[in-house]
N, C-alpha and C. Protein backbone atom coordinates (compact mmCIF):
# COMPACT_ATOMS: atom_id res chain seq x y z
N LEU A 1 107.05 135.24 93.44
CA LEU A 1 107.89 134.25 94.09
C LEU A 1 107.34 132.87 93.75
N GLY A 2 108.19 132.02 93.18
CA GLY A 2 107.78 130.67 92.78
C GLY A 2 107.68 129.75 93.96
N SER A 3 107.07 128.62 93.73
CA SER A 3 106.93 127.62 94.76
C SER A 3 108.27 126.98 95.07
N SER A 4 108.48 126.67 96.33
CA SER A 4 109.73 126.02 96.73
C SER A 4 109.61 124.50 96.65
N LEU A 5 108.44 124.00 96.28
CA LEU A 5 108.25 122.56 96.17
C LEU A 5 108.77 122.04 94.84
N ASP A 6 109.36 120.88 94.87
CA ASP A 6 109.80 120.21 93.66
C ASP A 6 108.79 119.13 93.32
N TYR A 7 108.09 119.27 92.21
CA TYR A 7 107.10 118.30 91.79
C TYR A 7 107.75 117.27 90.87
N PHE A 8 107.23 116.06 90.90
CA PHE A 8 107.73 115.02 90.02
C PHE A 8 106.60 114.06 89.69
N ASP A 9 106.80 113.31 88.62
CA ASP A 9 105.86 112.27 88.21
C ASP A 9 106.47 110.92 88.54
N THR A 10 105.66 110.00 89.06
CA THR A 10 106.13 108.64 89.22
C THR A 10 106.15 107.99 87.84
N VAL A 11 106.78 106.84 87.72
CA VAL A 11 106.80 106.13 86.44
C VAL A 11 105.36 105.85 85.99
N ALA A 12 104.50 105.42 86.90
CA ALA A 12 103.11 105.13 86.55
C ALA A 12 102.39 106.39 86.06
N GLN A 13 102.62 107.52 86.71
CA GLN A 13 102.00 108.77 86.28
C GLN A 13 102.50 109.18 84.90
N ALA A 14 103.79 108.99 84.65
CA ALA A 14 104.35 109.33 83.34
C ALA A 14 103.71 108.48 82.25
N TYR A 15 103.48 107.19 82.52
CA TYR A 15 102.80 106.33 81.55
C TYR A 15 101.38 106.83 81.30
N ALA A 16 100.69 107.19 82.37
CA ALA A 16 99.29 107.61 82.25
C ALA A 16 99.15 108.94 81.51
N HIS A 17 100.15 109.80 81.61
CA HIS A 17 100.07 111.14 81.02
C HIS A 17 101.10 111.36 79.92
N LYS A 18 101.57 110.28 79.30
CA LYS A 18 102.63 110.38 78.29
C LYS A 18 102.27 111.35 77.17
N GLY A 19 101.03 111.34 76.71
CA GLY A 19 100.62 112.24 75.63
C GLY A 19 100.76 113.70 76.01
N ALA A 20 100.39 114.04 77.22
CA ALA A 20 100.49 115.43 77.68
C ALA A 20 101.94 115.83 77.95
N ILE A 21 102.76 114.89 78.40
CA ILE A 21 104.16 115.17 78.71
C ILE A 21 104.96 115.38 77.43
N GLY A 22 104.73 114.52 76.44
CA GLY A 22 105.47 114.61 75.18
C GLY A 22 106.96 114.57 75.44
N THR A 23 107.69 115.57 74.94
CA THR A 23 109.14 115.65 75.16
C THR A 23 109.49 116.79 76.11
N GLY A 24 108.51 117.25 76.88
CA GLY A 24 108.78 118.31 77.86
C GLY A 24 109.61 117.79 79.02
N THR A 25 110.36 118.68 79.63
CA THR A 25 111.22 118.32 80.76
C THR A 25 110.38 118.07 82.01
N ILE A 26 110.64 116.94 82.66
CA ILE A 26 109.96 116.58 83.91
C ILE A 26 110.97 115.99 84.88
N ARG A 27 110.54 115.85 86.12
CA ARG A 27 111.26 115.08 87.13
C ARG A 27 110.52 113.75 87.24
N LEU A 28 111.24 112.65 87.05
CA LEU A 28 110.64 111.32 87.04
C LEU A 28 111.16 110.51 88.22
N GLU A 29 110.25 110.02 89.06
CA GLU A 29 110.63 109.24 90.22
C GLU A 29 110.39 107.76 89.96
N GLY A 30 111.37 106.94 90.35
CA GLY A 30 111.20 105.50 90.24
C GLY A 30 112.28 104.78 91.02
N LEU A 31 112.14 103.48 91.10
CA LEU A 31 113.10 102.62 91.77
C LEU A 31 114.06 102.08 90.73
N VAL A 32 115.35 102.23 90.95
CA VAL A 32 116.35 101.72 90.01
C VAL A 32 116.28 100.20 89.99
N VAL A 33 116.02 99.64 88.83
CA VAL A 33 115.85 98.20 88.67
C VAL A 33 117.18 97.49 88.86
N LYS A 34 117.17 96.47 89.71
CA LYS A 34 118.39 95.69 89.96
C LYS A 34 118.84 95.02 88.67
N GLY A 35 120.14 95.04 88.42
CA GLY A 35 120.73 94.44 87.23
C GLY A 35 120.65 95.31 85.99
N SER A 36 120.08 96.50 86.12
CA SER A 36 119.91 97.35 84.94
C SER A 36 120.97 98.44 84.79
N VAL A 37 121.79 98.66 85.81
CA VAL A 37 122.75 99.77 85.78
C VAL A 37 123.98 99.39 84.97
N HIS A 38 124.26 100.20 83.96
CA HIS A 38 125.45 100.04 83.12
C HIS A 38 126.13 101.39 83.01
N ARG A 39 127.32 101.50 83.59
CA ARG A 39 128.08 102.75 83.51
C ARG A 39 128.57 102.93 82.07
N THR A 40 128.54 104.15 81.59
CA THR A 40 129.01 104.47 80.25
C THR A 40 130.06 105.55 80.33
N SER A 41 130.71 105.84 79.22
CA SER A 41 131.72 106.90 79.22
C SER A 41 131.08 108.28 79.41
N HIS A 42 129.76 108.37 79.21
CA HIS A 42 129.07 109.66 79.34
C HIS A 42 128.16 109.73 80.56
N GLY A 43 128.05 108.64 81.34
CA GLY A 43 127.17 108.62 82.50
C GLY A 43 126.74 107.22 82.86
N ALA A 44 125.43 106.94 82.75
CA ALA A 44 124.92 105.62 83.08
C ALA A 44 123.60 105.37 82.34
N ASP A 45 123.38 104.11 81.99
CA ASP A 45 122.11 103.66 81.45
C ASP A 45 121.52 102.72 82.49
N PHE A 46 120.21 102.86 82.75
CA PHE A 46 119.54 102.02 83.74
C PHE A 46 118.04 102.11 83.52
N SER A 47 117.30 101.33 84.27
CA SER A 47 115.85 101.39 84.20
C SER A 47 115.30 101.79 85.56
N VAL A 48 114.18 102.51 85.54
CA VAL A 48 113.45 102.83 86.76
C VAL A 48 112.06 102.24 86.62
N ALA A 49 111.51 101.78 87.74
CA ALA A 49 110.21 101.13 87.72
C ALA A 49 109.31 101.72 88.78
N GLY A 50 108.01 101.54 88.55
CA GLY A 50 107.01 101.96 89.52
C GLY A 50 105.62 101.72 88.98
N GLY A 51 104.72 101.28 89.83
CA GLY A 51 103.34 101.08 89.44
C GLY A 51 103.14 100.06 88.33
N GLY A 52 104.03 99.08 88.25
CA GLY A 52 103.91 98.05 87.23
C GLY A 52 104.48 98.44 85.87
N HIS A 53 105.14 99.59 85.80
CA HIS A 53 105.73 100.07 84.55
C HIS A 53 107.23 100.27 84.73
N GLN A 54 107.92 100.33 83.60
CA GLN A 54 109.38 100.51 83.62
C GLN A 54 109.78 101.44 82.49
N VAL A 55 110.76 102.31 82.76
CA VAL A 55 111.28 103.26 81.79
C VAL A 55 112.80 103.10 81.75
N THR A 56 113.38 103.07 80.55
CA THR A 56 114.82 103.04 80.38
C THR A 56 115.35 104.46 80.41
N VAL A 57 116.41 104.68 81.19
CA VAL A 57 117.00 106.01 81.35
C VAL A 57 118.40 106.01 80.77
N HIS A 58 118.68 107.00 79.95
CA HIS A 58 120.04 107.26 79.46
C HIS A 58 120.46 108.56 80.14
N ALA A 59 121.36 108.46 81.12
CA ALA A 59 121.77 109.62 81.91
C ALA A 59 123.17 110.08 81.51
N SER A 60 123.28 111.37 81.24
CA SER A 60 124.60 111.94 80.95
C SER A 60 125.12 112.63 82.20
N GLY A 61 126.41 112.64 82.36
CA GLY A 61 127.03 113.22 83.55
C GLY A 61 127.30 112.15 84.59
N SER A 62 128.04 112.52 85.60
CA SER A 62 128.41 111.57 86.65
C SER A 62 127.26 111.33 87.61
N PRO A 63 126.86 110.07 87.82
CA PRO A 63 125.83 109.79 88.81
C PRO A 63 126.32 110.14 90.22
N PRO A 64 125.42 110.47 91.13
CA PRO A 64 125.84 110.75 92.51
C PRO A 64 126.52 109.55 93.13
N GLN A 65 127.33 109.79 94.13
CA GLN A 65 128.09 108.72 94.77
C GLN A 65 127.17 107.63 95.34
N LEU A 66 126.00 107.98 95.84
CA LEU A 66 125.10 107.01 96.45
C LEU A 66 124.22 106.28 95.44
N PHE A 67 124.34 106.61 94.16
CA PHE A 67 123.51 105.98 93.13
C PHE A 67 123.85 104.50 93.00
N GLN A 68 122.79 103.66 93.01
CA GLN A 68 122.96 102.22 92.87
C GLN A 68 121.61 101.59 92.56
N ALA A 69 121.62 100.34 92.16
CA ALA A 69 120.39 99.60 91.91
C ALA A 69 119.63 99.40 93.20
N GLY A 70 118.30 99.37 93.09
CA GLY A 70 117.46 99.07 94.24
C GLY A 70 117.06 100.27 95.08
N ILE A 71 117.45 101.48 94.68
CA ILE A 71 117.09 102.66 95.46
C ILE A 71 116.16 103.56 94.66
N PRO A 72 115.32 104.34 95.34
CA PRO A 72 114.48 105.30 94.64
C PRO A 72 115.32 106.52 94.23
N VAL A 73 115.06 106.99 93.02
CA VAL A 73 115.75 108.18 92.50
C VAL A 73 114.74 109.08 91.79
N VAL A 74 115.15 110.31 91.59
CA VAL A 74 114.42 111.24 90.73
C VAL A 74 115.40 111.64 89.64
N VAL A 75 114.99 111.47 88.38
CA VAL A 75 115.82 111.87 87.25
C VAL A 75 115.15 113.03 86.54
N VAL A 76 115.95 113.99 86.13
CA VAL A 76 115.43 115.17 85.43
C VAL A 76 115.78 115.05 83.96
N GLY A 77 114.79 115.24 83.10
CA GLY A 77 115.04 115.14 81.67
C GLY A 77 113.74 115.08 80.89
N HIS A 78 113.77 114.34 79.78
CA HIS A 78 112.61 114.26 78.90
C HIS A 78 112.62 112.95 78.13
N PHE A 79 111.44 112.57 77.63
CA PHE A 79 111.36 111.39 76.79
C PHE A 79 111.97 111.70 75.43
N ALA A 80 112.58 110.71 74.81
CA ALA A 80 113.31 110.90 73.55
C ALA A 80 112.39 111.29 72.40
N GLY A 81 111.15 110.90 72.45
CA GLY A 81 110.20 111.22 71.39
C GLY A 81 108.79 111.01 71.86
N ALA A 82 107.85 111.41 71.03
CA ALA A 82 106.44 111.34 71.40
C ALA A 82 105.99 109.92 71.74
N GLY A 83 106.49 108.92 71.02
CA GLY A 83 106.09 107.54 71.27
C GLY A 83 107.12 106.73 72.04
N SER A 84 108.15 107.37 72.52
CA SER A 84 109.27 106.67 73.13
C SER A 84 109.15 106.62 74.65
N PHE A 85 109.61 105.53 75.23
CA PHE A 85 109.73 105.44 76.68
C PHE A 85 111.21 105.38 77.08
N LEU A 86 112.07 105.92 76.22
CA LEU A 86 113.47 106.14 76.57
C LEU A 86 113.53 107.54 77.16
N PHE A 87 114.04 107.65 78.38
CA PHE A 87 114.10 108.92 79.09
C PHE A 87 115.54 109.42 79.08
N LEU A 88 115.76 110.60 78.53
CA LEU A 88 117.09 111.21 78.46
C LEU A 88 117.24 112.17 79.63
N SER A 89 118.20 111.88 80.48
CA SER A 89 118.36 112.65 81.71
C SER A 89 119.74 113.30 81.80
N ASP A 90 119.77 114.48 82.39
CA ASP A 90 121.05 115.13 82.63
C ASP A 90 121.28 115.33 84.13
N GLN A 91 120.40 114.76 84.96
CA GLN A 91 120.58 114.87 86.40
C GLN A 91 119.90 113.70 87.10
N ILE A 92 120.63 113.08 88.02
CA ILE A 92 120.10 112.01 88.86
C ILE A 92 120.15 112.51 90.29
N MET A 93 119.02 112.44 90.96
CA MET A 93 118.97 112.86 92.37
C MET A 93 118.64 111.67 93.25
N VAL A 94 119.52 111.39 94.19
CA VAL A 94 119.28 110.38 95.20
C VAL A 94 118.78 111.17 96.41
N LYS A 95 117.47 111.24 96.55
CA LYS A 95 116.88 112.17 97.49
C LYS A 95 116.32 111.51 98.74
N HIS A 96 116.32 110.19 98.80
CA HIS A 96 115.57 109.53 99.85
C HIS A 96 116.47 108.71 100.76
N THR A 97 116.07 108.62 101.99
CA THR A 97 116.79 107.76 102.93
C THR A 97 116.43 106.30 102.62
N ALA A 98 117.15 105.39 103.24
CA ALA A 98 116.90 103.97 103.02
C ALA A 98 115.51 103.56 103.47
N SER A 99 114.89 104.34 104.34
CA SER A 99 113.56 103.98 104.84
C SER A 99 112.44 104.60 104.01
N TYR A 100 112.75 105.31 102.94
CA TYR A 100 111.72 106.00 102.15
C TYR A 100 110.67 105.04 101.61
N ILE A 101 111.08 103.91 101.06
CA ILE A 101 110.11 102.95 100.50
C ILE A 101 109.18 102.45 101.61
N ALA A 102 109.72 102.11 102.76
CA ALA A 102 108.90 101.61 103.86
C ALA A 102 107.91 102.67 104.34
N GLN A 103 108.31 103.93 104.31
CA GLN A 103 107.44 105.01 104.77
C GLN A 103 106.37 105.37 103.74
N HIS A 104 106.63 105.09 102.46
CA HIS A 104 105.72 105.47 101.38
C HIS A 104 105.45 104.28 100.45
N PRO A 105 104.87 103.20 100.96
CA PRO A 105 104.70 102.00 100.14
C PRO A 105 103.78 102.19 98.94
N ASN A 106 102.89 103.16 98.97
CA ASN A 106 102.01 103.39 97.83
C ASN A 106 102.66 104.28 96.78
N ARG A 107 103.80 104.85 97.08
CA ARG A 107 104.47 105.76 96.16
C ARG A 107 105.56 105.04 95.37
N VAL A 108 106.43 104.31 96.08
CA VAL A 108 107.54 103.61 95.43
C VAL A 108 107.60 102.19 95.95
N ARG A 109 107.48 101.23 95.05
CA ARG A 109 107.60 99.81 95.39
C ARG A 109 108.66 99.18 94.51
N ALA A 110 109.26 98.16 95.02
CA ALA A 110 110.19 97.39 94.23
C ALA A 110 109.41 96.74 93.07
N PRO A 111 110.08 96.44 91.97
CA PRO A 111 109.38 95.82 90.82
C PRO A 111 108.65 94.54 91.16
N ASP A 112 109.12 93.81 92.18
CA ASP A 112 108.43 92.57 92.57
C ASP A 112 107.27 92.83 93.52
N GLY A 113 106.98 94.11 93.79
CA GLY A 113 105.86 94.48 94.64
C GLY A 113 106.19 94.57 96.12
N LYS A 114 107.40 94.20 96.48
CA LYS A 114 107.79 94.22 97.88
C LYS A 114 108.22 95.61 98.32
N VAL A 115 108.03 95.85 99.61
CA VAL A 115 108.54 97.07 100.24
C VAL A 115 109.81 96.65 100.97
N HIS A 116 110.93 97.25 100.58
CA HIS A 116 112.23 96.88 101.18
C HIS A 116 112.58 97.79 102.32
């Protein structure tokens, strides 16, 4: 019987372990950067940030109804290549309440360092 826990890497953890991750599938947690969301015919392009780092996400499929800039998300997918920080995702999960950042300030912070 497998674990019922869903593990994920923060953007900072993904940067720190990029060599080990390579192009393997992971769950990546970050805050959607304001002004970065661009809807496409295949999904959405946006950036997620955390720990002083930022990753560009190309997501295929329809984003969840609650998806928007400024919220924490978990995206499932992989980096486009060994040296790339373009993250190709086929799933966006809006898993947190509006108070998640305030409850976990060391886990997810806004790019300006503020807890919203």
